[in-house]
Amino acid sequence: MTSKKLYVGNLPYTTNDEQLKEMFSAAGSVLSASIIMDKFSGRSKGFGFVEMTTLEEAEKAISMFNGYQMNGRAVTVTEARPKPEGGRSFGGGGNSRGGFGGGRSFGGGNDRGGYGDR
């Protein structure tokens, strides 16, 4: 017996773990249900994860609740994907020059940099 984790998105910000667990228990046994909270504000980010006991119950939950209207919001329920290796990336791609414009001169028309050649 293999459990299956589901991603639940577009939740009303007032939804709590217990409400999420209660909702999904209509589809089967819920191992865990958790709303993801913002670590700075302590408020819901509007999504969470539910772990169903079996693959069949997870599939039933997806068919029951994907598109389900909850406080005027269409809830999204899909199979959860694993986190990318190394967690979240905060970079903006491959540009690691950083700073102010990648080494360009800000003081005159010449872009040569260096000393004395003005």
N, C-alpha and C. Protein backbone atom coordinates (compact mmCIF):
# COMPACT_ATOMS: atom_id res chain seq x y z
N MET A 1 0.85 -1.19 0.00
CA MET A 1 0.00 0.00 0.00
C MET A 1 0.89 1.24 0.00
N THR A 2 0.71 2.08 -1.00
CA THR A 2 1.53 3.27 -1.14
C THR A 2 0.67 4.52 -0.95
N SER A 3 1.13 5.40 -0.07
CA SER A 3 0.41 6.66 0.13
C SER A 3 0.76 7.61 -1.01
N LYS A 4 -0.07 8.63 -1.19
CA LYS A 4 0.15 9.59 -2.26
C LYS A 4 -0.09 10.99 -1.75
N LYS A 5 0.86 11.88 -2.03
CA LYS A 5 0.77 13.27 -1.61
C LYS A 5 0.17 14.11 -2.72
N LEU A 6 -0.76 14.99 -2.34
CA LEU A 6 -1.43 15.87 -3.29
C LEU A 6 -1.14 17.33 -2.98
N TYR A 7 -1.02 18.12 -4.03
CA TYR A 7 -0.90 19.57 -3.91
C TYR A 7 -2.31 20.14 -4.00
N VAL A 8 -2.65 21.04 -3.10
CA VAL A 8 -3.96 21.68 -3.10
C VAL A 8 -3.73 23.19 -3.17
N GLY A 9 -4.10 23.79 -4.28
CA GLY A 9 -3.85 25.21 -4.49
C GLY A 9 -5.12 26.04 -4.61
N ASN A 10 -4.95 27.34 -4.59
CA ASN A 10 -6.01 28.34 -4.69
C ASN A 10 -7.03 28.20 -3.55
N LEU A 11 -6.51 27.87 -2.38
CA LEU A 11 -7.38 27.75 -1.19
C LEU A 11 -7.70 29.13 -0.63
N PRO A 12 -8.87 29.28 -0.04
CA PRO A 12 -9.14 30.53 0.69
C PRO A 12 -8.10 30.69 1.81
N TYR A 13 -7.66 31.90 2.05
CA TYR A 13 -6.60 32.14 3.04
C TYR A 13 -7.04 31.83 4.46
N THR A 14 -8.34 31.64 4.66
CA THR A 14 -8.84 31.33 6.00
C THR A 14 -8.86 29.84 6.30
N THR A 15 -8.56 29.00 5.31
CA THR A 15 -8.59 27.55 5.49
C THR A 15 -7.47 27.12 6.43
N ASN A 16 -7.78 26.20 7.36
CA ASN A 16 -6.74 25.68 8.26
C ASN A 16 -6.53 24.18 8.01
N ASP A 17 -5.52 23.62 8.68
CA ASP A 17 -5.17 22.20 8.49
C ASP A 17 -6.35 21.28 8.75
N GLU A 18 -7.07 21.53 9.82
CA GLU A 18 -8.19 20.67 10.21
C GLU A 18 -9.31 20.69 9.17
N GLN A 19 -9.62 21.86 8.63
CA GLN A 19 -10.65 21.97 7.60
C GLN A 19 -10.23 21.22 6.33
N LEU A 20 -8.95 21.32 5.99
CA LEU A 20 -8.43 20.63 4.81
C LEU A 20 -8.53 19.12 5.00
N LYS A 21 -8.14 18.65 6.17
CA LYS A 21 -8.21 17.21 6.46
C LYS A 21 -9.66 16.72 6.42
N GLU A 22 -10.55 17.48 7.02
CA GLU A 22 -11.97 17.10 7.04
C GLU A 22 -12.53 17.03 5.63
N MET A 23 -12.20 18.01 4.80
CA MET A 23 -12.68 18.05 3.42
C MET A 23 -12.23 16.81 2.66
N PHE A 24 -10.94 16.48 2.73
CA PHE A 24 -10.40 15.38 1.95
C PHE A 24 -10.75 14.01 2.52
N SER A 25 -11.19 13.94 3.75
CA SER A 25 -11.59 12.66 4.33
C SER A 25 -12.84 12.11 3.64
N ALA A 26 -13.55 12.95 2.91
CA ALA A 26 -14.70 12.49 2.12
C ALA A 26 -14.25 11.56 0.98
N ALA A 27 -12.98 11.65 0.60
CA ALA A 27 -12.44 10.81 -0.47
C ALA A 27 -11.73 9.57 0.07
N GLY A 28 -11.46 9.52 1.37
CA GLY A 28 -10.75 8.38 1.95
C GLY A 28 -9.96 8.78 3.17
N SER A 29 -9.04 7.91 3.56
CA SER A 29 -8.23 8.15 4.75
C SER A 29 -7.12 9.16 4.48
N VAL A 30 -7.06 10.18 5.31
CA VAL A 30 -6.05 11.24 5.17
C VAL A 30 -4.95 11.00 6.20
N LEU A 31 -3.71 10.81 5.73
CA LEU A 31 -2.58 10.64 6.64
C LEU A 31 -2.14 11.97 7.22
N SER A 32 -2.14 13.02 6.38
CA SER A 32 -1.74 14.35 6.85
C SER A 32 -2.35 15.41 5.94
N ALA A 33 -2.55 16.57 6.52
CA ALA A 33 -3.05 17.73 5.77
C ALA A 33 -2.41 18.96 6.37
N SER A 34 -1.75 19.75 5.54
CA SER A 34 -1.11 20.95 6.07
C SER A 34 -1.17 22.11 5.10
N ILE A 35 -1.53 23.25 5.63
CA ILE A 35 -1.55 24.51 4.89
C ILE A 35 -0.15 25.11 5.02
N ILE A 36 0.40 25.63 3.94
CA ILE A 36 1.72 26.26 3.98
C ILE A 36 1.54 27.71 4.43
N MET A 37 2.30 28.07 5.46
CA MET A 37 2.20 29.40 6.05
C MET A 37 3.42 30.24 5.69
N ASP A 38 3.21 31.54 5.52
CA ASP A 38 4.31 32.47 5.29
C ASP A 38 5.09 32.62 6.59
N LYS A 39 6.39 32.41 6.52
CA LYS A 39 7.18 32.42 7.76
C LYS A 39 7.33 33.81 8.36
N PHE A 40 7.10 34.86 7.58
CA PHE A 40 7.23 36.21 8.11
C PHE A 40 5.92 36.74 8.68
N SER A 41 4.83 36.55 7.93
CA SER A 41 3.54 37.10 8.39
C SER A 41 2.75 36.11 9.23
N GLY A 42 3.05 34.81 9.09
CA GLY A 42 2.30 33.79 9.81
C GLY A 42 0.95 33.50 9.18
N ARG A 43 0.69 34.05 8.00
CA ARG A 43 -0.59 33.84 7.32
C ARG A 43 -0.46 32.78 6.24
N SER A 44 -1.59 32.21 5.87
CA SER A 44 -1.63 31.17 4.84
C SER A 44 -1.13 31.72 3.50
N LYS A 45 -0.44 30.85 2.76
CA LYS A 45 -0.01 31.21 1.40
C LYS A 45 -1.06 30.81 0.37
N GLY A 46 -2.15 30.18 0.83
CA GLY A 46 -3.23 29.81 -0.09
C GLY A 46 -3.05 28.46 -0.75
N PHE A 47 -2.11 27.66 -0.26
CA PHE A 47 -1.96 26.30 -0.77
C PHE A 47 -1.48 25.38 0.34
N GLY A 48 -1.58 24.09 0.07
CA GLY A 48 -1.16 23.12 1.07
C GLY A 48 -0.98 21.75 0.44
N PHE A 49 -0.76 20.76 1.30
CA PHE A 49 -0.55 19.39 0.86
C PHE A 49 -1.40 18.45 1.69
N VAL A 50 -1.93 17.44 1.02
CA VAL A 50 -2.71 16.41 1.68
C VAL A 50 -2.11 15.07 1.27
N GLU A 51 -1.89 14.20 2.24
CA GLU A 51 -1.38 12.87 1.95
C GLU A 51 -2.48 11.85 2.19
N MET A 52 -2.87 11.17 1.10
CA MET A 52 -3.91 10.16 1.17
C MET A 52 -3.27 8.79 1.38
N THR A 53 -4.00 7.87 2.02
CA THR A 53 -3.46 6.56 2.37
C THR A 53 -3.12 5.72 1.15
N THR A 54 -3.98 5.73 0.13
CA THR A 54 -3.73 4.90 -1.06
C THR A 54 -3.78 5.74 -2.33
N LEU A 55 -3.22 5.19 -3.38
CA LEU A 55 -3.24 5.83 -4.69
C LEU A 55 -4.68 5.99 -5.18
N GLU A 56 -5.51 4.98 -4.94
CA GLU A 56 -6.92 5.04 -5.36
C GLU A 56 -7.65 6.19 -4.67
N GLU A 57 -7.41 6.37 -3.37
CA GLU A 57 -8.05 7.47 -2.64
C GLU A 57 -7.55 8.83 -3.13
N ALA A 58 -6.27 8.89 -3.48
CA ALA A 58 -5.70 10.13 -4.02
C ALA A 58 -6.37 10.49 -5.34
N GLU A 59 -6.53 9.48 -6.21
CA GLU A 59 -7.17 9.72 -7.50
C GLU A 59 -8.63 10.15 -7.32
N LYS A 60 -9.30 9.54 -6.35
CA LYS A 60 -10.68 9.91 -6.05
C LYS A 60 -10.74 11.37 -5.55
N ALA A 61 -9.79 11.74 -4.69
CA ALA A 61 -9.74 13.11 -4.15
C ALA A 61 -9.50 14.12 -5.27
N ILE A 62 -8.63 13.80 -6.21
CA ILE A 62 -8.37 14.69 -7.34
C ILE A 62 -9.65 14.88 -8.14
N SER A 63 -10.34 13.78 -8.45
CA SER A 63 -11.56 13.90 -9.26
C SER A 63 -12.68 14.62 -8.49
N MET A 64 -12.72 14.46 -7.18
CA MET A 64 -13.75 15.12 -6.37
C MET A 64 -13.51 16.61 -6.17
N PHE A 65 -12.24 16.98 -5.95
CA PHE A 65 -11.97 18.34 -5.48
C PHE A 65 -11.24 19.26 -6.46
N ASN A 66 -10.70 18.74 -7.56
CA ASN A 66 -10.06 19.64 -8.52
C ASN A 66 -11.17 20.45 -9.19
N GLY A 67 -11.14 21.76 -9.03
CA GLY A 67 -12.17 22.65 -9.56
C GLY A 67 -13.30 22.92 -8.57
N TYR A 68 -13.24 22.29 -7.41
CA TYR A 68 -14.26 22.46 -6.37
C TYR A 68 -14.30 23.91 -5.90
N GLN A 69 -15.50 24.47 -5.80
CA GLN A 69 -15.66 25.86 -5.36
C GLN A 69 -15.66 25.92 -3.84
N MET A 70 -14.74 26.69 -3.30
CA MET A 70 -14.61 26.84 -1.85
C MET A 70 -14.52 28.34 -1.56
N ASN A 71 -15.55 28.90 -0.95
CA ASN A 71 -15.62 30.34 -0.68
C ASN A 71 -15.37 31.17 -1.93
N GLY A 72 -15.95 30.75 -3.04
CA GLY A 72 -15.82 31.49 -4.29
C GLY A 72 -14.53 31.27 -5.05
N ARG A 73 -13.71 30.31 -4.61
CA ARG A 73 -12.43 30.04 -5.29
C ARG A 73 -12.45 28.61 -5.83
N ALA A 74 -11.99 28.43 -7.06
CA ALA A 74 -11.90 27.10 -7.66
C ALA A 74 -10.59 26.46 -7.19
N VAL A 75 -10.69 25.46 -6.34
CA VAL A 75 -9.52 24.80 -5.76
C VAL A 75 -8.84 23.94 -6.83
N THR A 76 -7.51 23.90 -6.81
CA THR A 76 -6.71 23.08 -7.71
C THR A 76 -6.14 21.91 -6.91
N VAL A 77 -6.35 20.70 -7.41
CA VAL A 77 -5.80 19.52 -6.74
C VAL A 77 -5.07 18.68 -7.79
N THR A 78 -3.78 18.49 -7.56
CA THR A 78 -2.96 17.68 -8.46
C THR A 78 -2.02 16.81 -7.64
N GLU A 79 -1.39 15.86 -8.30
CA GLU A 79 -0.38 15.05 -7.65
C GLU A 79 0.80 15.96 -7.32
N ALA A 80 1.28 15.87 -6.09
CA ALA A 80 2.42 16.71 -5.67
C ALA A 80 3.68 16.25 -6.38
N ARG A 81 4.48 17.20 -6.81
CA ARG A 81 5.78 16.89 -7.43
C ARG A 81 6.87 17.08 -6.39
N PRO A 82 7.92 16.28 -6.49
CA PRO A 82 9.01 16.45 -5.53
C PRO A 82 9.70 17.79 -5.69
N LYS A 83 10.27 18.30 -4.58
CA LYS A 83 11.03 19.56 -4.64
C LYS A 83 12.22 19.37 -5.55
N PRO A 84 12.59 20.41 -6.30
CA PRO A 84 13.80 20.30 -7.12
C PRO A 84 15.02 20.11 -6.23
N GLU A 85 16.01 19.44 -6.76
CA GLU A 85 17.24 19.18 -6.00
C GLU A 85 17.84 20.49 -5.50
N GLY A 86 18.15 20.57 -4.23
CA GLY A 86 18.74 21.77 -3.67
C GLY A 86 17.72 22.80 -3.22
N GLY A 87 16.45 22.49 -3.32
CA GLY A 87 15.43 23.42 -2.83
C GLY A 87 15.14 24.54 -3.81
N ARG A 88 14.68 25.64 -3.31
CA ARG A 88 14.26 26.78 -4.12
C ARG A 88 15.46 27.58 -4.60
N SER A 89 15.35 28.08 -5.81
CA SER A 89 16.40 28.91 -6.38
C SER A 89 15.97 30.37 -6.32
N PHE A 90 16.83 31.21 -5.81
CA PHE A 90 16.51 32.63 -5.74
C PHE A 90 17.24 33.42 -6.82
N GLY A 91 18.04 32.77 -7.61
CA GLY A 91 18.80 33.46 -8.64
C GLY A 91 17.93 33.81 -9.83
N GLY A 92 18.44 34.68 -10.66
CA GLY A 92 17.69 35.08 -11.84
C GLY A 92 18.26 34.47 -13.10
N GLY A 93 18.73 33.28 -13.06
CA GLY A 93 19.32 32.67 -14.23
C GLY A 93 20.82 32.55 -14.06
N GLY A 94 21.55 32.59 -15.18
CA GLY A 94 22.98 32.36 -15.13
C GLY A 94 23.82 33.62 -14.94
N ASN A 95 23.21 34.77 -14.84
CA ASN A 95 23.97 36.00 -14.72
C ASN A 95 24.43 36.21 -13.28
N SER A 96 25.69 36.01 -13.03
CA SER A 96 26.18 36.15 -11.65
C SER A 96 27.13 37.33 -11.50
N ARG A 97 27.06 38.28 -12.44
CA ARG A 97 27.94 39.44 -12.35
C ARG A 97 27.57 40.33 -11.18
N GLY A 98 26.29 40.42 -10.91
CA GLY A 98 25.82 41.21 -9.77
C GLY A 98 26.14 42.68 -9.91
N GLY A 99 25.90 43.42 -8.88
CA GLY A 99 26.28 44.82 -8.86
C GLY A 99 25.44 45.70 -9.75
N PHE A 100 26.01 46.79 -10.17
CA PHE A 100 25.28 47.82 -10.90
C PHE A 100 25.53 47.71 -12.39
N GLY A 101 24.79 46.88 -13.06
CA GLY A 101 24.84 46.83 -14.52
C GLY A 101 25.98 46.04 -15.11
N GLY A 102 26.63 45.21 -14.37
CA GLY A 102 27.62 44.30 -14.94
C GLY A 102 28.92 44.95 -15.33
N GLY A 103 29.40 45.92 -14.60
CA GLY A 103 30.73 46.44 -14.83
C GLY A 103 30.79 47.64 -15.76
N ARG A 104 29.68 48.19 -16.12
CA ARG A 104 29.71 49.37 -16.98
C ARG A 104 30.08 50.61 -16.19
N SER A 105 30.62 51.59 -16.89
CA SER A 105 30.98 52.86 -16.28
C SER A 105 29.74 53.74 -16.15
N PHE A 106 29.61 54.42 -15.02
CA PHE A 106 28.46 55.29 -14.82
C PHE A 106 28.83 56.76 -14.92
N GLY A 107 30.06 57.08 -15.05
CA GLY A 107 30.44 58.47 -14.93
C GLY A 107 30.76 59.13 -16.22
N GLY A 108 30.70 58.81 -17.32
CA GLY A 108 31.04 59.62 -18.48
C GLY A 108 30.52 58.88 -19.66
N GLY A 109 30.94 59.26 -20.79
CA GLY A 109 30.49 58.57 -21.98
C GLY A 109 31.34 57.37 -22.31
N ASN A 110 32.57 57.34 -21.80
CA ASN A 110 33.41 56.22 -22.23
C ASN A 110 33.13 54.98 -21.37
N ASP A 111 33.23 53.88 -21.99
CA ASP A 111 32.91 52.62 -21.32
C ASP A 111 34.19 51.85 -21.06
N ARG A 112 35.35 52.55 -21.06
CA ARG A 112 36.62 51.87 -20.93
C ARG A 112 37.00 51.59 -19.51
N GLY A 113 36.47 52.36 -18.56
CA GLY A 113 36.87 52.16 -17.17
C GLY A 113 38.32 52.50 -17.00
N GLY A 114 38.97 52.00 -16.01
CA GLY A 114 40.39 52.22 -15.82
C GLY A 114 40.70 53.62 -15.32
N TYR A 115 41.97 54.05 -15.47
CA TYR A 115 42.41 55.34 -14.92
C TYR A 115 42.99 56.22 -16.02
N GLY A 116 42.85 57.53 -15.86
CA GLY A 116 43.59 58.52 -16.59
C GLY A 116 43.27 58.71 -18.06
N ASP A 117 42.52 57.90 -18.70
CA ASP A 117 42.34 58.01 -20.14
C ASP A 117 41.13 58.84 -20.48
N ARG A 118 40.80 59.82 -19.67
CA ARG A 118 39.59 60.62 -19.92
C ARG A 118 39.95 61.74 -20.78
